[in-house]
N, C-alpha and C. Protein backbone atom coordinates (compact mmCIF):
# COMPACT_ATOMS: atom_id res chain seq x y z
N MET A 1 -59.25 -2.45 -34.66
CA MET A 1 -59.25 -3.26 -35.87
C MET A 1 -60.39 -4.16 -35.76
N THR A 2 -61.20 -4.45 -36.85
CA THR A 2 -62.19 -5.30 -37.12
C THR A 2 -61.92 -6.31 -37.94
N ARG A 3 -62.21 -7.66 -37.68
CA ARG A 3 -62.09 -8.73 -38.85
C ARG A 3 -63.14 -9.53 -38.62
N CYS A 4 -63.68 -9.83 -40.04
CA CYS A 4 -64.75 -10.70 -40.33
C CYS A 4 -64.18 -12.24 -40.42
N SER A 5 -64.69 -13.01 -39.84
CA SER A 5 -64.19 -14.45 -39.85
C SER A 5 -65.03 -15.25 -41.08
N GLN A 6 -64.44 -15.51 -42.17
CA GLN A 6 -64.99 -16.28 -43.15
C GLN A 6 -65.28 -17.64 -42.81
N ALA A 7 -66.40 -18.14 -43.48
CA ALA A 7 -66.65 -19.37 -43.10
C ALA A 7 -65.77 -20.55 -44.21
N ASN A 8 -65.15 -21.53 -43.51
CA ASN A 8 -64.29 -22.32 -44.43
C ASN A 8 -64.98 -23.74 -44.43
N PRO A 9 -64.87 -24.46 -45.57
CA PRO A 9 -65.53 -25.79 -45.57
C PRO A 9 -65.00 -26.70 -44.45
N VAL A 10 -65.98 -27.34 -43.61
CA VAL A 10 -65.48 -28.28 -42.63
C VAL A 10 -66.07 -29.71 -43.01
N ARG A 11 -65.23 -30.79 -42.90
CA ARG A 11 -65.63 -32.00 -43.09
C ARG A 11 -65.88 -32.74 -41.69
N THR A 12 -67.03 -33.04 -41.50
CA THR A 12 -67.20 -33.73 -40.13
C THR A 12 -67.19 -35.08 -40.19
N THR A 13 -66.82 -35.70 -39.10
CA THR A 13 -66.43 -37.05 -38.79
C THR A 13 -67.43 -37.69 -37.98
N ASP A 14 -67.95 -39.05 -38.52
CA ASP A 14 -68.79 -39.90 -37.57
C ASP A 14 -68.01 -40.73 -36.66
N GLY A 15 -68.20 -40.42 -35.28
CA GLY A 15 -67.36 -41.00 -34.29
C GLY A 15 -68.06 -40.83 -33.04
N PRO A 16 -67.17 -40.84 -31.87
CA PRO A 16 -67.54 -40.62 -30.61
C PRO A 16 -67.73 -39.42 -30.24
N LEU A 17 -67.59 -38.33 -30.80
CA LEU A 17 -67.73 -37.06 -30.57
C LEU A 17 -68.89 -36.35 -30.86
N LYS A 18 -69.22 -35.34 -30.45
CA LYS A 18 -70.55 -34.54 -30.43
C LYS A 18 -71.10 -34.46 -31.82
N ASP A 19 -72.41 -34.64 -31.76
CA ASP A 19 -73.36 -34.60 -32.99
C ASP A 19 -73.05 -32.94 -33.41
N GLN A 20 -72.55 -32.90 -34.73
CA GLN A 20 -72.35 -31.74 -35.33
C GLN A 20 -73.18 -31.06 -36.51
N GLU A 21 -74.47 -31.84 -36.50
CA GLU A 21 -75.68 -31.61 -37.37
C GLU A 21 -76.41 -30.38 -36.77
N LYS A 22 -76.60 -30.20 -35.56
CA LYS A 22 -77.59 -29.42 -35.02
C LYS A 22 -76.86 -28.08 -34.71
N PRO A 23 -77.21 -26.97 -35.58
CA PRO A 23 -76.76 -25.64 -35.31
C PRO A 23 -77.29 -25.03 -33.87
N THR A 24 -76.33 -24.42 -33.32
CA THR A 24 -76.57 -23.77 -32.07
C THR A 24 -76.60 -22.49 -31.99
N ARG A 25 -77.51 -21.69 -31.51
CA ARG A 25 -77.79 -20.33 -31.30
C ARG A 25 -77.26 -20.03 -30.04
N PHE A 26 -75.70 -19.30 -30.11
CA PHE A 26 -75.11 -18.87 -28.85
C PHE A 26 -75.87 -17.42 -28.49
N ARG A 27 -75.51 -17.08 -27.13
CA ARG A 27 -76.09 -15.92 -26.53
C ARG A 27 -74.78 -15.10 -26.20
N PRO A 28 -74.90 -13.80 -25.89
CA PRO A 28 -73.71 -12.88 -25.31
C PRO A 28 -73.47 -13.46 -24.00
N GLY A 29 -72.04 -13.80 -23.76
CA GLY A 29 -71.99 -14.22 -22.44
C GLY A 29 -71.44 -15.66 -22.50
N ASN A 30 -71.86 -16.26 -23.57
CA ASN A 30 -71.28 -17.71 -23.81
C ASN A 30 -69.90 -18.02 -24.22
N LEU A 31 -69.48 -19.02 -23.51
CA LEU A 31 -67.95 -19.30 -23.83
C LEU A 31 -68.07 -20.41 -24.91
N VAL A 32 -67.39 -20.18 -26.13
CA VAL A 32 -67.39 -21.02 -27.20
C VAL A 32 -65.81 -21.23 -27.53
N VAL A 33 -65.77 -22.09 -28.39
CA VAL A 33 -64.28 -22.36 -29.08
C VAL A 33 -64.14 -22.02 -30.34
N HIS A 34 -63.24 -20.90 -30.57
CA HIS A 34 -63.09 -20.59 -32.12
C HIS A 34 -61.52 -21.40 -32.73
N PRO A 35 -61.70 -22.05 -33.99
CA PRO A 35 -60.79 -22.93 -34.41
C PRO A 35 -59.51 -22.14 -34.51
N VAL A 36 -59.46 -20.86 -34.69
CA VAL A 36 -58.10 -20.24 -34.42
C VAL A 36 -57.81 -19.60 -33.38
N TYR A 37 -58.62 -18.91 -32.79
CA TYR A 37 -58.37 -18.05 -31.60
C TYR A 37 -58.43 -19.08 -30.20
N GLY A 38 -59.20 -20.17 -30.17
CA GLY A 38 -59.23 -20.77 -29.12
C GLY A 38 -60.53 -20.42 -28.27
N PHE A 39 -60.33 -20.50 -27.08
CA PHE A 39 -61.50 -20.17 -26.00
C PHE A 39 -61.83 -18.78 -26.21
N CYS A 40 -63.23 -18.28 -26.69
CA CYS A 40 -63.57 -17.04 -26.72
C CYS A 40 -64.91 -16.89 -25.91
N ARG A 41 -65.45 -15.67 -25.54
CA ARG A 41 -66.65 -15.33 -24.95
C ARG A 41 -67.35 -14.47 -25.92
N ILE A 42 -68.38 -14.74 -26.19
CA ILE A 42 -69.17 -13.83 -27.04
C ILE A 42 -69.76 -12.35 -26.36
N ALA A 43 -69.10 -11.46 -26.78
CA ALA A 43 -69.30 -10.20 -26.32
C ALA A 43 -70.78 -9.60 -26.33
N ALA A 44 -71.15 -9.87 -27.83
CA ALA A 44 -72.48 -9.32 -28.03
C ALA A 44 -72.90 -9.92 -29.41
N ILE A 45 -74.28 -9.63 -29.63
CA ILE A 45 -74.68 -9.95 -31.12
C ILE A 45 -75.17 -8.59 -31.59
N GLU A 46 -74.59 -8.22 -32.86
CA GLU A 46 -75.03 -7.07 -33.43
C GLU A 46 -75.18 -7.22 -34.89
N GLN A 47 -75.84 -6.28 -35.46
CA GLN A 47 -76.30 -6.40 -36.87
C GLN A 47 -75.18 -5.51 -37.51
N THR A 48 -74.70 -6.13 -38.46
CA THR A 48 -73.53 -5.38 -39.27
C THR A 48 -73.85 -5.48 -40.66
N PRO A 49 -73.55 -4.48 -41.48
CA PRO A 49 -73.61 -4.50 -42.94
C PRO A 49 -72.92 -5.50 -43.65
N MET A 50 -73.38 -6.36 -44.40
CA MET A 50 -72.81 -7.28 -45.27
C MET A 50 -73.54 -7.84 -46.39
N ARG A 51 -72.98 -7.90 -47.48
CA ARG A 51 -73.42 -8.40 -48.67
C ARG A 51 -74.47 -7.51 -49.05
N GLY A 52 -74.57 -6.26 -48.78
CA GLY A 52 -75.75 -5.49 -49.12
C GLY A 52 -76.85 -5.46 -48.26
N GLY A 53 -76.86 -5.95 -47.19
CA GLY A 53 -77.85 -6.05 -46.17
C GLY A 53 -77.24 -6.11 -44.84
N LEU A 54 -78.09 -6.35 -43.76
CA LEU A 54 -77.75 -6.42 -42.57
C LEU A 54 -77.72 -7.89 -41.84
N GLU A 55 -76.65 -8.47 -41.40
CA GLU A 55 -76.66 -9.66 -40.63
C GLU A 55 -76.35 -9.59 -39.26
N ASP A 56 -77.07 -10.46 -38.56
CA ASP A 56 -76.61 -10.77 -37.02
C ASP A 56 -75.20 -11.48 -36.97
N CYS A 57 -74.49 -10.73 -36.22
CA CYS A 57 -72.97 -11.16 -36.07
C CYS A 57 -72.76 -11.42 -34.47
N TYR A 58 -71.80 -12.49 -34.41
CA TYR A 58 -71.43 -12.89 -32.92
C TYR A 58 -70.26 -11.74 -32.98
N VAL A 59 -69.91 -11.12 -31.91
CA VAL A 59 -68.98 -10.28 -31.65
C VAL A 59 -67.74 -10.77 -30.67
N PHE A 60 -66.56 -10.83 -30.88
CA PHE A 60 -65.59 -11.27 -29.94
C PHE A 60 -64.61 -10.32 -29.87
N ARG A 61 -64.11 -9.90 -28.67
CA ARG A 61 -63.19 -9.07 -28.38
C ARG A 61 -61.68 -9.64 -28.08
N MET A 62 -60.76 -9.35 -29.01
CA MET A 62 -59.46 -10.11 -28.99
C MET A 62 -58.46 -9.04 -28.63
N GLY A 63 -57.22 -9.50 -28.75
CA GLY A 63 -56.15 -8.53 -28.74
C GLY A 63 -55.91 -8.12 -27.08
N SER A 64 -55.33 -6.87 -27.15
CA SER A 64 -55.09 -6.21 -25.77
C SER A 64 -55.95 -4.77 -25.72
N MET A 65 -55.46 -4.36 -24.55
CA MET A 65 -55.93 -2.92 -24.36
C MET A 65 -55.57 -1.83 -25.40
N ARG A 66 -54.25 -2.19 -25.60
CA ARG A 66 -53.67 -1.15 -26.60
C ARG A 66 -53.93 -1.50 -27.94
N ASN A 67 -54.03 -2.88 -28.25
CA ASN A 67 -54.17 -3.13 -29.60
C ASN A 67 -55.27 -3.97 -29.56
N PRO A 68 -56.63 -3.63 -29.48
CA PRO A 68 -57.90 -4.38 -29.42
C PRO A 68 -58.29 -4.74 -30.90
N ILE A 69 -58.73 -5.97 -30.83
CA ILE A 69 -59.21 -6.70 -32.30
C ILE A 69 -60.78 -7.05 -31.94
N LYS A 70 -61.55 -6.44 -32.81
CA LYS A 70 -63.03 -6.83 -32.96
C LYS A 70 -63.12 -7.91 -34.02
N VAL A 71 -63.50 -9.15 -33.72
CA VAL A 71 -63.99 -10.10 -34.66
C VAL A 71 -65.24 -10.45 -34.77
N LEU A 72 -65.82 -10.57 -36.00
CA LEU A 72 -67.23 -10.68 -36.37
C LEU A 72 -67.35 -11.90 -37.08
N VAL A 73 -68.48 -12.66 -36.52
CA VAL A 73 -68.62 -13.86 -37.25
C VAL A 73 -70.47 -13.98 -37.32
N PRO A 74 -70.47 -14.11 -38.77
CA PRO A 74 -72.03 -14.14 -38.94
C PRO A 74 -72.69 -15.23 -38.27
N VAL A 75 -73.86 -15.04 -37.71
CA VAL A 75 -74.48 -16.19 -36.83
C VAL A 75 -74.95 -17.30 -37.89
N ALA A 76 -75.32 -17.03 -39.10
CA ALA A 76 -75.73 -18.04 -40.01
C ALA A 76 -74.54 -18.83 -40.33
N GLN A 77 -73.23 -18.19 -40.34
CA GLN A 77 -71.99 -18.96 -40.94
C GLN A 77 -71.27 -19.67 -39.48
N ALA A 78 -71.68 -19.47 -38.55
CA ALA A 78 -71.04 -19.71 -37.38
C ALA A 78 -70.47 -21.25 -37.31
N LYS A 79 -71.24 -22.10 -37.89
CA LYS A 79 -70.92 -23.51 -37.75
C LYS A 79 -69.86 -23.77 -38.71
N ALA A 80 -70.09 -23.21 -39.84
CA ALA A 80 -69.08 -23.50 -41.15
C ALA A 80 -67.77 -22.80 -40.76
N ALA A 81 -67.86 -21.63 -40.05
CA ALA A 81 -66.66 -21.16 -39.45
C ALA A 81 -65.93 -21.73 -38.45
N GLY A 82 -66.49 -22.82 -37.79
CA GLY A 82 -65.99 -23.61 -36.75
C GLY A 82 -66.35 -23.38 -35.38
N ILE A 83 -67.17 -22.38 -35.09
CA ILE A 83 -67.47 -21.97 -33.82
C ILE A 83 -68.21 -23.20 -33.21
N ARG A 84 -67.81 -23.55 -32.03
CA ARG A 84 -68.61 -24.57 -31.29
C ARG A 84 -68.61 -24.65 -29.92
N GLN A 85 -69.38 -25.35 -29.13
CA GLN A 85 -69.32 -25.32 -27.80
C GLN A 85 -67.96 -26.21 -27.16
N PRO A 86 -67.60 -25.70 -26.16
CA PRO A 86 -66.39 -26.55 -25.33
C PRO A 86 -66.78 -28.07 -25.36
N ILE A 87 -65.68 -28.80 -25.33
CA ILE A 87 -65.85 -30.21 -25.41
C ILE A 87 -66.38 -30.76 -23.95
N THR A 88 -66.85 -31.97 -24.01
CA THR A 88 -67.13 -32.62 -22.78
C THR A 88 -66.08 -33.64 -22.39
N LYS A 89 -66.36 -34.02 -21.10
CA LYS A 89 -65.24 -34.87 -20.43
C LYS A 89 -65.15 -36.13 -21.34
N GLN A 90 -66.25 -36.70 -21.81
CA GLN A 90 -66.43 -37.91 -22.73
C GLN A 90 -65.65 -37.82 -24.00
N GLU A 91 -65.70 -36.59 -24.54
CA GLU A 91 -65.09 -36.31 -25.65
C GLU A 91 -63.48 -36.16 -25.51
N VAL A 92 -63.19 -35.56 -24.31
CA VAL A 92 -61.64 -35.78 -24.04
C VAL A 92 -61.16 -37.13 -23.85
N ASP A 93 -61.97 -37.98 -23.31
CA ASP A 93 -61.63 -39.28 -23.28
C ASP A 93 -61.39 -39.87 -24.52
N ALA A 94 -62.36 -39.59 -25.60
CA ALA A 94 -62.21 -40.05 -26.82
C ALA A 94 -60.94 -39.63 -27.64
N ILE A 95 -60.76 -38.33 -27.33
CA ILE A 95 -59.26 -37.68 -28.00
C ILE A 95 -58.25 -38.55 -27.60
N PHE A 96 -57.91 -38.88 -26.28
CA PHE A 96 -56.93 -39.55 -25.98
C PHE A 96 -56.94 -40.91 -26.32
N GLU A 97 -58.11 -41.59 -26.73
CA GLU A 97 -58.09 -42.80 -27.37
C GLU A 97 -57.58 -42.67 -28.90
N VAL A 98 -57.79 -41.69 -29.51
CA VAL A 98 -57.24 -41.47 -30.71
C VAL A 98 -55.65 -41.31 -30.87
N PHE A 99 -55.07 -40.67 -29.73
CA PHE A 99 -53.96 -40.41 -29.57
C PHE A 99 -53.09 -41.81 -29.28
N LYS A 100 -53.74 -42.89 -29.05
CA LYS A 100 -53.08 -44.03 -28.70
C LYS A 100 -53.17 -44.95 -29.95
N LEU A 101 -54.02 -44.50 -30.97
CA LEU A 101 -53.96 -45.46 -32.01
C LEU A 101 -52.78 -45.24 -33.03
N ALA A 102 -52.46 -46.25 -33.83
CA ALA A 102 -51.37 -46.07 -34.79
C ALA A 102 -51.47 -44.97 -35.65
N ALA A 103 -50.30 -44.20 -35.90
CA ALA A 103 -50.29 -43.09 -36.48
C ALA A 103 -50.30 -43.46 -38.24
N THR A 104 -50.82 -42.55 -38.95
CA THR A 104 -50.66 -42.69 -40.35
C THR A 104 -49.49 -42.21 -40.90
N PRO A 105 -48.60 -42.97 -41.52
CA PRO A 105 -47.19 -42.31 -41.74
C PRO A 105 -47.40 -41.17 -42.89
N PHE A 106 -46.55 -40.22 -42.86
CA PHE A 106 -46.27 -39.07 -43.51
C PHE A 106 -45.46 -39.55 -44.81
N ALA A 107 -45.63 -39.00 -46.03
CA ALA A 107 -44.83 -39.07 -47.17
C ALA A 107 -44.64 -37.50 -47.62
N PRO A 108 -43.63 -37.20 -48.16
CA PRO A 108 -42.95 -35.81 -48.43
C PRO A 108 -44.16 -35.08 -48.99
N ARG A 109 -44.28 -34.05 -48.72
CA ARG A 109 -45.60 -33.13 -48.78
C ARG A 109 -45.30 -31.68 -49.69
N THR A 110 -46.19 -31.60 -50.48
CA THR A 110 -46.21 -30.38 -51.14
C THR A 110 -47.05 -29.12 -50.45
N LYS A 111 -46.93 -27.97 -50.84
CA LYS A 111 -47.52 -26.94 -50.20
C LYS A 111 -49.05 -26.92 -50.15
N GLU A 112 -49.69 -27.56 -51.12
CA GLU A 112 -50.95 -28.01 -51.09
C GLU A 112 -51.34 -28.86 -49.89
N GLN A 113 -50.67 -29.83 -49.66
CA GLN A 113 -50.71 -30.56 -48.85
C GLN A 113 -50.56 -30.18 -47.31
N LEU A 114 -49.54 -29.21 -47.19
CA LEU A 114 -49.35 -28.47 -46.02
C LEU A 114 -50.54 -27.64 -45.69
N ASP A 115 -51.15 -27.00 -46.69
CA ASP A 115 -52.42 -26.31 -46.71
C ASP A 115 -53.56 -27.01 -46.02
N GLY A 116 -53.67 -28.36 -46.48
CA GLY A 116 -54.59 -29.22 -45.97
C GLY A 116 -54.42 -29.48 -44.50
N ILE A 117 -53.08 -29.50 -43.93
CA ILE A 117 -52.82 -29.83 -42.65
C ILE A 117 -53.34 -28.63 -41.87
N SER A 118 -53.06 -27.43 -42.26
CA SER A 118 -53.47 -26.23 -41.51
C SER A 118 -55.06 -26.27 -41.51
N ALA A 119 -55.85 -26.62 -42.66
CA ALA A 119 -57.16 -26.48 -42.61
C ALA A 119 -57.66 -27.49 -41.78
N CYS A 120 -57.16 -28.74 -41.53
CA CYS A 120 -57.58 -29.67 -40.56
C CYS A 120 -57.54 -29.19 -39.08
N LEU A 121 -56.27 -28.70 -38.84
CA LEU A 121 -55.93 -28.35 -37.37
C LEU A 121 -56.75 -27.21 -37.03
N ASN A 122 -57.05 -26.39 -38.03
CA ASN A 122 -57.99 -25.07 -37.85
C ASN A 122 -59.41 -25.39 -38.00
N SER A 123 -59.86 -26.74 -38.01
CA SER A 123 -61.15 -26.77 -38.14
C SER A 123 -61.91 -27.07 -36.92
N ASN A 124 -63.28 -27.45 -37.05
CA ASN A 124 -64.13 -27.68 -35.74
C ASN A 124 -64.09 -29.04 -35.53
N ASP A 125 -63.53 -29.96 -36.14
CA ASP A 125 -63.56 -31.41 -36.24
C ASP A 125 -62.58 -32.01 -35.23
N LEU A 126 -63.00 -32.16 -33.85
CA LEU A 126 -62.06 -32.56 -33.00
C LEU A 126 -61.23 -33.99 -33.33
N PHE A 127 -61.94 -34.77 -33.78
CA PHE A 127 -61.55 -36.20 -34.19
C PHE A 127 -60.30 -36.32 -35.40
N ARG A 128 -60.52 -35.47 -36.30
CA ARG A 128 -59.67 -35.01 -37.24
C ARG A 128 -58.35 -34.38 -36.72
N ILE A 129 -58.72 -33.29 -35.63
CA ILE A 129 -57.54 -32.73 -35.08
C ILE A 129 -56.79 -33.64 -34.32
N ALA A 130 -57.38 -34.28 -33.61
CA ALA A 130 -56.67 -35.36 -32.80
C ALA A 130 -55.74 -36.30 -33.62
N GLU A 131 -56.34 -36.76 -34.81
CA GLU A 131 -55.62 -37.62 -35.76
C GLU A 131 -54.53 -36.85 -36.09
N MET A 132 -54.61 -35.59 -36.53
CA MET A 132 -53.45 -34.95 -37.33
C MET A 132 -52.46 -34.51 -36.42
N ILE A 133 -52.73 -34.30 -34.86
CA ILE A 133 -51.79 -34.16 -33.99
C ILE A 133 -50.90 -35.31 -33.73
N ARG A 134 -51.67 -36.50 -33.83
CA ARG A 134 -51.00 -37.66 -33.49
C ARG A 134 -49.94 -37.92 -34.63
N ASP A 135 -50.41 -37.81 -35.90
CA ASP A 135 -49.49 -38.08 -37.13
C ASP A 135 -48.50 -37.20 -37.12
N LEU A 136 -48.59 -35.92 -36.64
CA LEU A 136 -47.46 -34.83 -36.82
C LEU A 136 -46.44 -35.12 -35.73
N ALA A 137 -46.86 -35.52 -34.67
CA ALA A 137 -45.94 -36.01 -33.49
C ALA A 137 -45.21 -37.41 -33.82
N ALA A 138 -45.86 -38.23 -34.41
CA ALA A 138 -45.23 -39.62 -34.82
C ALA A 138 -44.16 -39.29 -35.95
N ALA A 139 -44.46 -38.26 -36.63
CA ALA A 139 -43.49 -38.06 -37.73
C ALA A 139 -42.24 -37.08 -37.31
N GLY A 140 -42.34 -36.85 -36.31
CA GLY A 140 -41.06 -36.26 -35.56
C GLY A 140 -41.05 -34.67 -35.44
N VAL A 141 -42.49 -34.22 -35.56
CA VAL A 141 -42.64 -32.86 -35.40
C VAL A 141 -43.05 -32.62 -33.88
N LYS A 142 -42.32 -31.75 -33.24
CA LYS A 142 -42.35 -31.68 -31.90
C LYS A 142 -43.09 -30.12 -31.63
N GLY A 143 -44.24 -30.21 -30.91
CA GLY A 143 -44.80 -28.81 -30.60
C GLY A 143 -44.17 -28.15 -29.46
N TRP A 144 -44.96 -27.58 -28.43
CA TRP A 144 -44.48 -27.12 -27.25
C TRP A 144 -43.85 -27.98 -26.39
N TYR A 145 -43.59 -29.45 -26.79
CA TYR A 145 -42.98 -30.15 -25.92
C TYR A 145 -41.65 -30.63 -26.33
N GLY A 146 -40.99 -29.82 -27.19
CA GLY A 146 -39.57 -30.32 -27.47
C GLY A 146 -39.48 -29.83 -28.90
N ALA A 147 -38.06 -29.72 -29.13
CA ALA A 147 -37.62 -29.36 -30.53
C ALA A 147 -37.56 -30.69 -31.50
N SER A 148 -37.78 -30.47 -32.75
CA SER A 148 -37.68 -31.51 -33.87
C SER A 148 -36.59 -32.33 -33.78
N ASP A 149 -36.64 -33.65 -33.90
CA ASP A 149 -35.67 -34.58 -33.53
C ASP A 149 -34.93 -34.81 -34.97
N GLY A 150 -35.40 -34.39 -36.20
CA GLY A 150 -34.61 -34.26 -37.16
C GLY A 150 -35.06 -35.36 -38.20
N THR A 151 -36.18 -36.19 -37.72
CA THR A 151 -36.60 -37.22 -38.73
C THR A 151 -37.68 -36.55 -39.56
N PHE A 152 -38.04 -35.35 -39.39
CA PHE A 152 -39.18 -34.94 -40.18
C PHE A 152 -38.62 -33.65 -40.87
N VAL A 153 -38.78 -33.45 -42.21
CA VAL A 153 -38.31 -32.21 -42.88
C VAL A 153 -39.35 -30.99 -42.82
N ASN A 154 -39.08 -30.20 -41.96
CA ASN A 154 -40.11 -28.90 -41.83
C ASN A 154 -39.92 -27.98 -43.01
N HIS A 155 -41.24 -27.57 -43.35
CA HIS A 155 -41.48 -26.31 -44.55
C HIS A 155 -41.16 -25.27 -43.70
N ARG A 156 -40.04 -24.53 -43.57
CA ARG A 156 -39.95 -23.23 -42.67
C ARG A 156 -40.68 -23.34 -41.40
N ARG A 157 -40.39 -24.57 -40.81
CA ARG A 157 -40.80 -24.88 -39.37
C ARG A 157 -42.34 -24.60 -39.27
N SER A 158 -42.95 -24.69 -40.39
CA SER A 158 -44.42 -24.34 -40.47
C SER A 158 -45.29 -25.39 -39.66
N GLU A 159 -45.02 -26.98 -39.95
CA GLU A 159 -45.69 -27.75 -39.23
C GLU A 159 -45.47 -27.67 -37.69
N GLN A 160 -44.19 -27.08 -37.12
CA GLN A 160 -44.03 -27.05 -35.84
C GLN A 160 -44.96 -25.93 -35.38
N VAL A 161 -44.92 -24.82 -36.10
CA VAL A 161 -46.01 -23.69 -35.60
C VAL A 161 -47.31 -24.14 -35.61
N LEU A 162 -47.75 -24.79 -36.55
CA LEU A 162 -49.14 -25.29 -36.77
C LEU A 162 -49.46 -26.18 -35.48
N LEU A 163 -48.69 -27.20 -35.17
CA LEU A 163 -48.74 -28.30 -34.22
C LEU A 163 -48.91 -27.49 -32.83
N THR A 164 -48.05 -26.57 -32.65
CA THR A 164 -47.86 -25.72 -31.36
C THR A 164 -49.19 -25.37 -30.91
N GLN A 165 -49.60 -24.42 -32.12
CA GLN A 165 -50.95 -23.78 -32.04
C GLN A 165 -52.12 -24.60 -31.62
N ALA A 166 -52.17 -25.78 -32.45
CA ALA A 166 -53.27 -26.75 -32.22
C ALA A 166 -53.12 -27.30 -30.58
N LEU A 167 -52.02 -27.81 -30.45
CA LEU A 167 -51.86 -28.27 -29.08
C LEU A 167 -52.17 -27.35 -28.07
N SER A 168 -51.80 -26.12 -28.20
CA SER A 168 -51.96 -24.96 -27.01
C SER A 168 -53.62 -24.92 -26.87
N ARG A 169 -54.35 -24.84 -27.98
CA ARG A 169 -55.83 -24.62 -28.05
C ARG A 169 -56.40 -25.88 -27.41
N LEU A 170 -56.02 -26.95 -27.72
CA LEU A 170 -56.38 -28.28 -27.23
C LEU A 170 -56.33 -28.44 -25.83
N THR A 171 -55.09 -27.98 -25.33
CA THR A 171 -54.73 -28.21 -23.79
C THR A 171 -55.40 -27.09 -23.02
N GLU A 172 -55.64 -25.92 -23.69
CA GLU A 172 -56.36 -24.79 -22.72
C GLU A 172 -57.80 -25.65 -22.40
N GLU A 173 -58.35 -26.09 -23.65
CA GLU A 173 -60.11 -26.59 -23.52
C GLU A 173 -59.89 -27.87 -22.56
N ILE A 174 -58.92 -28.74 -22.70
CA ILE A 174 -59.21 -29.83 -21.74
C ILE A 174 -58.72 -29.49 -20.48
N ALA A 175 -57.85 -28.46 -19.94
CA ALA A 175 -57.63 -28.13 -18.65
C ALA A 175 -58.92 -27.46 -18.14
N HIS A 176 -59.68 -26.82 -19.15
CA HIS A 176 -60.72 -26.05 -18.47
C HIS A 176 -62.16 -27.31 -18.10
N VAL A 177 -62.07 -28.08 -19.14
CA VAL A 177 -63.00 -29.26 -18.80
C VAL A 177 -62.75 -30.14 -17.49
N ARG A 178 -61.44 -30.37 -17.33
CA ARG A 178 -61.08 -31.21 -16.35
C ARG A 178 -60.70 -30.42 -15.08
N CYS A 179 -60.88 -29.09 -15.19
CA CYS A 179 -60.61 -28.34 -13.86
C CYS A 179 -59.05 -28.61 -13.47
N VAL A 180 -58.05 -28.82 -14.21
CA VAL A 180 -56.89 -29.11 -13.85
C VAL A 180 -55.75 -28.03 -14.45
N PRO A 181 -54.63 -27.93 -14.03
CA PRO A 181 -53.63 -27.03 -14.61
C PRO A 181 -53.24 -27.29 -15.98
N ARG A 182 -52.86 -26.46 -16.91
CA ARG A 182 -52.40 -26.57 -18.08
C ARG A 182 -51.25 -27.59 -18.38
N LYS A 183 -50.33 -27.43 -17.34
CA LYS A 183 -48.95 -28.13 -17.25
C LYS A 183 -49.36 -29.53 -16.98
N GLU A 184 -50.43 -29.74 -16.43
CA GLU A 184 -50.71 -31.42 -16.08
C GLU A 184 -51.36 -31.83 -17.37
N VAL A 185 -52.07 -31.26 -18.19
CA VAL A 185 -52.64 -31.63 -19.44
C VAL A 185 -51.44 -31.99 -20.23
N GLU A 186 -50.73 -30.82 -20.47
CA GLU A 186 -49.59 -30.88 -21.49
C GLU A 186 -48.78 -32.07 -21.16
N GLY A 187 -48.49 -32.47 -19.98
CA GLY A 187 -47.66 -33.75 -19.48
C GLY A 187 -48.54 -35.00 -20.00
N GLN A 188 -49.74 -35.04 -19.87
CA GLN A 188 -50.63 -36.19 -20.28
C GLN A 188 -50.37 -36.55 -21.75
N ILE A 189 -50.79 -35.28 -22.49
CA ILE A 189 -50.83 -35.24 -23.96
C ILE A 189 -49.23 -35.83 -24.39
N CYS A 190 -48.25 -35.31 -23.91
CA CYS A 190 -46.76 -35.59 -24.28
C CYS A 190 -46.62 -36.92 -24.08
N ARG A 191 -46.88 -37.42 -22.76
CA ARG A 191 -46.69 -38.95 -22.72
C ARG A 191 -47.36 -39.87 -23.41
N CYS A 192 -48.72 -39.50 -23.70
CA CYS A 192 -49.42 -40.50 -24.75
C CYS A 192 -48.86 -40.50 -26.07
N LEU A 193 -48.52 -39.13 -26.60
CA LEU A 193 -47.94 -39.05 -28.01
C LEU A 193 -46.72 -39.83 -28.20
N GLU A 194 -45.82 -39.50 -27.07
CA GLU A 194 -44.63 -40.25 -27.12
C GLU A 194 -44.57 -41.63 -27.05
N ARG A 195 -45.56 -42.24 -26.11
CA ARG A 195 -45.77 -43.55 -25.92
C ARG A 195 -45.96 -44.35 -27.63
N THR A 196 -47.03 -43.42 -28.34
CA THR A 196 -47.56 -43.97 -29.58
C THR A 196 -46.37 -43.95 -30.51
N ARG A 197 -45.55 -42.54 -30.55
CA ARG A 197 -44.53 -42.46 -31.58
C ARG A 197 -43.45 -43.69 -31.35
N LYS A 198 -43.12 -43.97 -30.10
CA LYS A 198 -42.08 -45.02 -29.77
C LYS A 198 -42.55 -46.35 -30.33
N ARG A 199 -43.94 -46.80 -29.94
CA ARG A 199 -44.53 -48.00 -30.29
C ARG A 199 -44.53 -48.22 -31.87
N ASP A 200 -44.99 -47.16 -32.52
CA ASP A 200 -45.03 -47.14 -34.05
C ASP A 200 -43.55 -47.34 -34.71
N LYS A 201 -42.45 -46.74 -34.05
CA LYS A 201 -41.20 -46.68 -34.53
C LYS A 201 -40.66 -48.12 -34.20
N ALA A 202 -41.01 -48.63 -33.34
CA ALA A 202 -40.48 -50.15 -32.81
C ALA A 202 -41.17 -51.03 -33.97
N SER A 203 -42.43 -50.92 -34.11
CA SER A 203 -43.22 -51.97 -34.98
C SER A 203 -42.71 -51.75 -36.41
N ALA A 204 -42.46 -50.42 -37.05
CA ALA A 204 -41.69 -50.16 -38.34
C ALA A 204 -40.56 -51.08 -38.25
N THR A 205 -39.51 -50.64 -37.12
CA THR A 205 -38.12 -51.32 -37.29
C THR A 205 -38.23 -52.92 -37.11
N ALA A 206 -39.29 -53.70 -36.59
CA ALA A 206 -39.48 -54.76 -36.36
C ALA A 206 -39.96 -55.54 -37.85
N SER A 207 -40.72 -54.55 -38.49
CA SER A 207 -41.05 -55.18 -39.89
C SER A 207 -40.03 -55.44 -40.84
N MET A 208 -39.06 -54.48 -40.67
CA MET A 208 -38.15 -54.26 -41.65
C MET A 208 -37.00 -55.38 -41.46
N SER A 209 -36.81 -55.92 -40.21
CA SER A 209 -35.89 -56.88 -39.80
C SER A 209 -36.38 -58.22 -40.03
């Protein structure tokens, strides 16, 4: 099976994370991050018929031996599609600082707003992803670290699925950068998000009394 990854609009954020204005030409063998599939290694660059002509495309091998998936991303569209280099240790520290900031309260959402959450979590903007993870966790959505506490109305559990996927990708990336086990990173993220959620909840209760 072959899939062509389409470019999605990505809104970048000025902040402590890496400069996203400089396009990078990757080479076969490079380890990169795909906003949906997470860590990937570029298997090859091959010319593929597209839009009536030939385009250079990054080739990613996904799936399993029994069900292989070949993912193609046009080189010219790689940045817009969210392909990027793995984060640095400095950027990991910045992400945890975002987790510590006060969350933005959620209001009841429409399907369009849910689509916006999905687009954010599947973007290549780490700063926005970290903010969304923090806000979802503060609203009561629990990813891989627990079940929903009932304070947040899930749309067919979609938010929980999206959060779990985003957390899994981010955990794998941080574990790789810090050279520590995934479980250790999961614990660090869980404790940080839980402290923020409890602090925000206590502040909201105090303001109402």
